[in-house]
N, C-alpha and C. Protein backbone atom coordinates (compact mmCIF):
# COMPACT_ATOMS: atom_id res chain seq x y z
N MET A 1 134.84 102.43 119.17
CA MET A 1 133.54 102.80 118.65
C MET A 1 133.64 102.92 117.13
N LEU A 2 132.63 102.40 116.45
CA LEU A 2 132.62 102.43 114.99
C LEU A 2 132.20 103.80 114.48
N SER A 3 132.85 104.25 113.45
CA SER A 3 132.52 105.55 112.86
C SER A 3 131.34 105.40 111.90
N PHE A 4 130.82 106.54 111.50
CA PHE A 4 129.72 106.57 110.53
C PHE A 4 130.12 105.86 109.25
N THR A 5 131.34 106.07 108.81
CA THR A 5 131.84 105.44 107.59
C THR A 5 131.86 103.93 107.73
N ASN A 6 132.36 103.43 108.87
CA ASN A 6 132.40 101.99 109.08
C ASN A 6 130.99 101.39 109.15
N TRP A 7 130.07 102.07 109.83
CA TRP A 7 128.70 101.58 109.88
C TRP A 7 128.09 101.53 108.49
N SER A 8 128.37 102.50 107.67
CA SER A 8 127.85 102.52 106.30
C SER A 8 128.38 101.34 105.51
N LEU A 9 129.67 101.05 105.64
CA LEU A 9 130.25 99.90 104.93
C LEU A 9 129.69 98.58 105.44
N ILE A 10 129.46 98.48 106.75
CA ILE A 10 128.88 97.26 107.32
C ILE A 10 127.46 97.07 106.78
N CYS A 11 126.66 98.12 106.75
CA CYS A 11 125.29 98.03 106.22
C CYS A 11 125.30 97.67 104.74
N GLY A 12 126.19 98.29 103.98
CA GLY A 12 126.30 97.97 102.55
C GLY A 12 126.68 96.53 102.32
N THR A 13 127.63 96.03 103.10
CA THR A 13 128.06 94.63 102.98
C THR A 13 126.91 93.69 103.34
N TRP A 14 126.19 94.01 104.40
CA TRP A 14 125.04 93.19 104.81
C TRP A 14 124.01 93.13 103.69
N LEU A 15 123.75 94.25 103.04
CA LEU A 15 122.79 94.26 101.94
C LEU A 15 123.28 93.43 100.76
N VAL A 16 124.56 93.49 100.45
CA VAL A 16 125.10 92.69 99.34
C VAL A 16 124.99 91.20 99.66
N VAL A 17 125.25 90.82 100.90
CA VAL A 17 125.08 89.41 101.29
C VAL A 17 123.62 89.01 101.13
N ASP A 18 122.69 89.86 101.55
CA ASP A 18 121.26 89.57 101.36
C ASP A 18 120.90 89.46 99.88
N ILE A 19 121.43 90.34 99.08
CA ILE A 19 121.17 90.29 97.64
C ILE A 19 121.63 88.96 97.07
N CYS A 20 122.84 88.53 97.42
CA CYS A 20 123.37 87.25 96.92
C CYS A 20 122.51 86.09 97.39
N PHE A 21 122.16 86.08 98.67
CA PHE A 21 121.36 84.99 99.22
C PHE A 21 120.00 84.91 98.53
N LEU A 22 119.30 86.03 98.44
CA LEU A 22 117.97 86.03 97.84
C LEU A 22 118.02 85.74 96.33
N SER A 23 119.07 86.19 95.67
CA SER A 23 119.18 85.96 94.23
C SER A 23 119.47 84.50 93.90
N LEU A 24 120.16 83.80 94.78
CA LEU A 24 120.54 82.42 94.50
C LEU A 24 119.66 81.39 95.21
N LEU A 25 118.66 81.85 95.94
CA LEU A 25 117.71 80.97 96.61
C LEU A 25 116.85 80.27 95.56
N PRO A 26 116.73 78.93 95.61
CA PRO A 26 115.89 78.24 94.63
C PRO A 26 114.44 78.71 94.71
N SER A 27 113.77 78.76 93.58
CA SER A 27 112.40 79.25 93.55
C SER A 27 111.46 78.36 94.35
N SER A 28 111.78 77.08 94.50
CA SER A 28 110.92 76.17 95.25
C SER A 28 110.85 76.53 96.73
N SER A 29 111.82 77.26 97.24
CA SER A 29 111.82 77.63 98.65
C SER A 29 111.13 78.97 98.91
N MET A 30 110.63 79.60 97.85
CA MET A 30 109.94 80.88 98.01
C MET A 30 108.44 80.65 98.11
N ALA A 31 107.77 81.56 98.78
CA ALA A 31 106.32 81.46 98.91
C ALA A 31 105.65 81.62 97.54
N SER A 32 104.57 80.96 97.37
CA SER A 32 103.83 81.05 96.12
C SER A 32 103.01 82.33 96.09
N VAL A 33 103.24 83.13 95.09
CA VAL A 33 102.54 84.40 94.93
C VAL A 33 102.10 84.47 93.48
N SER A 34 101.02 85.18 93.20
CA SER A 34 100.57 85.28 91.82
C SER A 34 101.64 85.95 90.97
N PHE A 35 101.63 85.63 89.69
CA PHE A 35 102.66 86.12 88.77
C PHE A 35 102.73 87.64 88.76
N TRP A 36 101.60 88.34 88.68
CA TRP A 36 101.59 89.80 88.59
C TRP A 36 102.07 90.44 89.89
N ALA A 37 101.68 89.87 91.02
CA ALA A 37 102.13 90.40 92.31
C ALA A 37 103.63 90.20 92.45
N LEU A 38 104.14 89.06 91.97
CA LEU A 38 105.57 88.78 92.05
C LEU A 38 106.37 89.78 91.23
N LEU A 39 105.86 90.14 90.05
CA LEU A 39 106.56 91.12 89.22
C LEU A 39 106.75 92.44 89.95
N GLU A 40 105.70 92.91 90.58
CA GLU A 40 105.78 94.19 91.27
C GLU A 40 106.69 94.11 92.49
N ILE A 41 106.52 93.08 93.30
CA ILE A 41 107.34 92.92 94.51
C ILE A 41 108.79 92.72 94.13
N ASP A 42 109.01 91.89 93.13
CA ASP A 42 110.37 91.56 92.71
C ASP A 42 111.13 92.81 92.25
N LYS A 43 110.54 93.59 91.40
CA LYS A 43 111.22 94.78 90.87
C LYS A 43 111.43 95.83 91.95
N ILE A 44 110.45 95.99 92.83
CA ILE A 44 110.61 96.93 93.94
C ILE A 44 111.74 96.46 94.85
N GLY A 45 111.82 95.15 95.07
CA GLY A 45 112.91 94.59 95.88
C GLY A 45 114.27 94.87 95.26
N HIS A 46 114.38 94.68 93.94
CA HIS A 46 115.64 94.97 93.25
C HIS A 46 116.01 96.44 93.43
N LEU A 47 115.05 97.33 93.22
CA LEU A 47 115.30 98.77 93.39
C LEU A 47 115.77 99.10 94.80
N LEU A 48 115.05 98.58 95.79
CA LEU A 48 115.37 98.91 97.18
C LEU A 48 116.72 98.33 97.63
N PHE A 49 116.97 97.06 97.32
CA PHE A 49 118.21 96.45 97.78
C PHE A 49 119.43 97.05 97.08
N TYR A 50 119.38 97.16 95.77
CA TYR A 50 120.53 97.72 95.05
C TYR A 50 120.70 99.20 95.34
N GLY A 51 119.59 99.92 95.47
CA GLY A 51 119.67 101.34 95.81
C GLY A 51 120.22 101.57 97.20
N SER A 52 119.74 100.79 98.17
CA SER A 52 120.23 100.93 99.55
C SER A 52 121.71 100.58 99.65
N ALA A 53 122.10 99.48 99.01
CA ALA A 53 123.52 99.10 99.03
C ALA A 53 124.37 100.22 98.43
N SER A 54 123.90 100.83 97.36
CA SER A 54 124.63 101.93 96.72
C SER A 54 124.80 103.11 97.66
N VAL A 55 123.72 103.47 98.35
CA VAL A 55 123.78 104.60 99.29
C VAL A 55 124.79 104.31 100.39
N PHE A 56 124.70 103.13 100.99
CA PHE A 56 125.59 102.82 102.12
C PHE A 56 127.06 102.74 101.69
N PHE A 57 127.33 102.12 100.54
CA PHE A 57 128.72 102.06 100.09
C PHE A 57 129.25 103.43 99.71
N ALA A 58 128.40 104.26 99.11
CA ALA A 58 128.85 105.62 98.78
C ALA A 58 129.12 106.43 100.05
N LEU A 59 128.26 106.28 101.05
CA LEU A 59 128.49 106.99 102.32
C LEU A 59 129.74 106.47 103.02
N GLY A 60 130.06 105.20 102.82
CA GLY A 60 131.19 104.61 103.50
C GLY A 60 132.52 104.83 102.82
N SER A 61 132.51 105.33 101.61
CA SER A 61 133.78 105.56 100.90
C SER A 61 134.09 107.05 100.88
N SER A 62 135.33 107.35 101.11
CA SER A 62 135.71 108.75 101.29
C SER A 62 136.18 109.43 100.01
N HIS A 63 136.44 108.66 98.96
CA HIS A 63 136.95 109.26 97.73
C HIS A 63 136.04 108.92 96.56
N ARG A 64 135.92 109.85 95.65
CA ARG A 64 135.03 109.70 94.51
C ARG A 64 135.38 108.48 93.66
N ARG A 65 136.65 108.25 93.41
CA ARG A 65 137.07 107.12 92.57
C ARG A 65 136.66 105.80 93.21
N LYS A 66 136.83 105.71 94.52
CA LYS A 66 136.45 104.49 95.24
C LYS A 66 134.93 104.28 95.16
N ARG A 67 134.16 105.36 95.28
CA ARG A 67 132.70 105.27 95.16
C ARG A 67 132.30 104.76 93.79
N ILE A 68 132.92 105.27 92.76
CA ILE A 68 132.58 104.85 91.39
C ILE A 68 132.88 103.37 91.21
N VAL A 69 134.03 102.91 91.72
CA VAL A 69 134.39 101.49 91.63
C VAL A 69 133.38 100.63 92.38
N LEU A 70 132.98 101.07 93.58
CA LEU A 70 132.01 100.30 94.36
C LEU A 70 130.65 100.24 93.66
N LEU A 71 130.19 101.35 93.13
CA LEU A 71 128.90 101.38 92.45
C LEU A 71 128.94 100.52 91.18
N PHE A 72 130.02 100.59 90.45
CA PHE A 72 130.19 99.75 89.27
C PHE A 72 130.21 98.28 89.67
N SER A 73 130.86 97.97 90.79
CA SER A 73 130.94 96.59 91.27
C SER A 73 129.55 96.05 91.63
N ILE A 74 128.71 96.91 92.18
CA ILE A 74 127.34 96.49 92.51
C ILE A 74 126.58 96.16 91.23
N LEU A 75 126.77 96.98 90.20
CA LEU A 75 126.13 96.68 88.90
C LEU A 75 126.62 95.35 88.33
N VAL A 76 127.93 95.12 88.39
CA VAL A 76 128.51 93.86 87.89
C VAL A 76 127.97 92.68 88.70
N LEU A 77 127.84 92.86 90.01
CA LEU A 77 127.28 91.80 90.86
C LEU A 77 125.88 91.43 90.38
N GLY A 78 125.08 92.42 90.04
CA GLY A 78 123.72 92.14 89.54
C GLY A 78 123.75 91.31 88.27
N ILE A 79 124.66 91.62 87.37
CA ILE A 79 124.78 90.85 86.12
C ILE A 79 125.23 89.42 86.42
N VAL A 80 126.23 89.27 87.27
CA VAL A 80 126.74 87.94 87.63
C VAL A 80 125.65 87.11 88.29
N LEU A 81 124.88 87.70 89.19
CA LEU A 81 123.83 86.95 89.87
C LEU A 81 122.71 86.55 88.92
N GLU A 82 122.36 87.41 87.98
CA GLU A 82 121.34 87.03 86.99
C GLU A 82 121.85 85.87 86.13
N CYS A 83 123.12 85.89 85.74
CA CYS A 83 123.70 84.79 84.97
C CYS A 83 123.74 83.51 85.80
N ALA A 84 124.04 83.64 87.09
CA ALA A 84 124.06 82.47 87.98
C ALA A 84 122.66 81.87 88.11
N GLN A 85 121.64 82.71 88.16
CA GLN A 85 120.27 82.21 88.23
C GLN A 85 119.95 81.38 86.98
N TYR A 86 120.40 81.85 85.85
CA TYR A 86 120.17 81.12 84.59
C TYR A 86 120.88 79.78 84.62
N ALA A 87 122.10 79.74 85.15
CA ALA A 87 122.91 78.52 85.15
C ALA A 87 122.49 77.53 86.23
N MET A 88 121.79 77.96 87.26
CA MET A 88 121.45 77.09 88.39
C MET A 88 120.42 76.02 88.05
N HIS A 89 119.50 76.31 87.18
CA HIS A 89 118.41 75.39 86.85
C HIS A 89 117.61 74.99 88.10
N GLN A 90 117.35 75.95 88.96
CA GLN A 90 116.58 75.73 90.19
C GLN A 90 115.27 76.51 90.16
N GLY A 91 114.73 76.70 88.97
CA GLY A 91 113.48 77.44 88.86
C GLY A 91 113.67 78.94 88.74
N ARG A 92 114.90 79.40 88.77
CA ARG A 92 115.20 80.82 88.61
C ARG A 92 115.65 81.04 87.18
N SER A 93 115.51 82.25 86.68
CA SER A 93 115.91 82.51 85.31
C SER A 93 116.48 83.91 85.16
N PHE A 94 117.24 84.09 84.10
CA PHE A 94 117.80 85.40 83.75
C PHE A 94 116.64 86.31 83.37
N ASP A 95 116.63 87.52 83.88
CA ASP A 95 115.55 88.46 83.59
C ASP A 95 116.15 89.84 83.30
N LEU A 96 115.96 90.28 82.07
CA LEU A 96 116.48 91.58 81.66
C LEU A 96 115.86 92.71 82.48
N PHE A 97 114.59 92.56 82.87
CA PHE A 97 113.93 93.59 83.66
C PHE A 97 114.52 93.68 85.07
N ASP A 98 115.01 92.54 85.60
CA ASP A 98 115.72 92.57 86.88
C ASP A 98 117.00 93.38 86.75
N LEU A 99 117.71 93.18 85.66
CA LEU A 99 118.94 93.96 85.43
C LEU A 99 118.64 95.45 85.34
N MET A 100 117.55 95.77 84.66
CA MET A 100 117.17 97.17 84.54
C MET A 100 116.80 97.74 85.92
N ALA A 101 116.09 96.96 86.73
CA ALA A 101 115.72 97.41 88.07
C ALA A 101 116.97 97.57 88.94
N ASN A 102 117.94 96.66 88.78
CA ASN A 102 119.21 96.76 89.52
C ASN A 102 119.92 98.07 89.16
N GLY A 103 120.04 98.34 87.86
CA GLY A 103 120.70 99.55 87.40
C GLY A 103 119.98 100.80 87.85
N LEU A 104 118.65 100.77 87.78
CA LEU A 104 117.87 101.92 88.25
C LEU A 104 118.05 102.12 89.75
N GLY A 105 118.12 101.01 90.49
CA GLY A 105 118.35 101.09 91.93
C GLY A 105 119.69 101.73 92.25
N VAL A 106 120.74 101.32 91.53
CA VAL A 106 122.07 101.91 91.74
C VAL A 106 122.05 103.39 91.37
N GLY A 107 121.39 103.73 90.27
CA GLY A 107 121.29 105.13 89.85
C GLY A 107 120.54 105.98 90.87
N LEU A 108 119.41 105.47 91.35
CA LEU A 108 118.64 106.22 92.35
C LEU A 108 119.40 106.29 93.68
N GLY A 109 120.10 105.21 94.03
CA GLY A 109 120.91 105.22 95.25
C GLY A 109 122.01 106.27 95.16
N SER A 110 122.61 106.39 93.99
CA SER A 110 123.65 107.40 93.79
C SER A 110 123.07 108.81 93.93
N LEU A 111 121.88 109.00 93.38
CA LEU A 111 121.21 110.29 93.49
C LEU A 111 120.88 110.61 94.95
N VAL A 112 120.38 109.61 95.68
CA VAL A 112 120.09 109.81 97.10
C VAL A 112 121.36 110.18 97.86
N PHE A 113 122.47 109.51 97.53
CA PHE A 113 123.74 109.84 98.18
C PHE A 113 124.12 111.30 97.93
N VAL A 114 124.01 111.74 96.70
CA VAL A 114 124.37 113.13 96.37
C VAL A 114 123.49 114.09 97.17
N LEU A 115 122.21 113.78 97.27
CA LEU A 115 121.32 114.65 98.04
C LEU A 115 121.68 114.65 99.52
N ILE A 116 121.97 113.46 100.07
CA ILE A 116 122.39 113.37 101.47
C ILE A 116 123.67 114.16 101.67
N ASP A 117 124.60 114.00 100.76
CA ASP A 117 125.89 114.67 100.87
C ASP A 117 125.73 116.18 100.84
N ARG A 118 124.95 116.66 99.91
CA ARG A 118 124.81 118.11 99.75
C ARG A 118 124.00 118.74 100.87
N ILE A 119 122.97 118.04 101.33
CA ILE A 119 122.08 118.64 102.32
C ILE A 119 122.55 118.38 103.75
N TRP A 120 122.88 117.15 104.07
CA TRP A 120 123.15 116.79 105.45
C TRP A 120 124.64 116.79 105.82
N LEU A 121 125.45 116.10 105.05
CA LEU A 121 126.86 115.97 105.42
C LEU A 121 127.59 117.30 105.44
N LYS A 122 127.42 118.11 104.42
CA LYS A 122 128.12 119.40 104.38
C LYS A 122 127.64 120.30 105.51
N LYS A 123 126.34 120.27 105.76
CA LYS A 123 125.77 121.15 106.78
C LYS A 123 126.24 120.73 108.18
N ASN A 124 126.25 119.43 108.47
CA ASN A 124 126.53 118.95 109.83
C ASN A 124 127.99 118.60 110.09
N THR A 125 128.75 118.30 109.06
CA THR A 125 130.13 117.87 109.29
C THR A 125 131.15 118.74 108.58
N GLY A 126 130.69 119.51 107.62
CA GLY A 126 131.61 120.32 106.86
C GLY A 126 132.35 119.55 105.77
N ILE A 127 132.06 118.26 105.67
CA ILE A 127 132.70 117.43 104.63
C ILE A 127 131.69 117.25 103.50
N GLY A 128 132.17 117.20 102.32
CA GLY A 128 131.31 116.97 101.18
C GLY A 128 131.91 115.94 100.26
N ILE A 129 131.35 115.84 99.08
CA ILE A 129 131.87 114.90 98.09
C ILE A 129 133.30 115.28 97.75
N GLN A 130 134.15 114.28 97.75
CA GLN A 130 135.57 114.52 97.41
C GLN A 130 135.88 113.88 96.10
């Protein structure tokens, strides 16, 4: 049976795979949406995906140093994927606001993890941030 930690790592990995797939998908294969609607959906998507991945990886790692490395790695992944979009020439482009949304997502995900840890994990398991 898989533990809570393993499930968290599996969910985090699944989200990172989704992030890579969606980030490198050519723009021609995406549905046509108005420019303003795309801006809102796009940034919310960046916040949700990067934030969720951050929460799951933080929940799945048992040591603080490992969590910091994982969260930093998610930020680096966002930078690499934005650069790859620029290099692909498939209708995608580097967007500084996407990077900001990625960073904000990781930051909010980290905050959510701390709240989960302090409220739920310590109360129900006796384990807290290490």
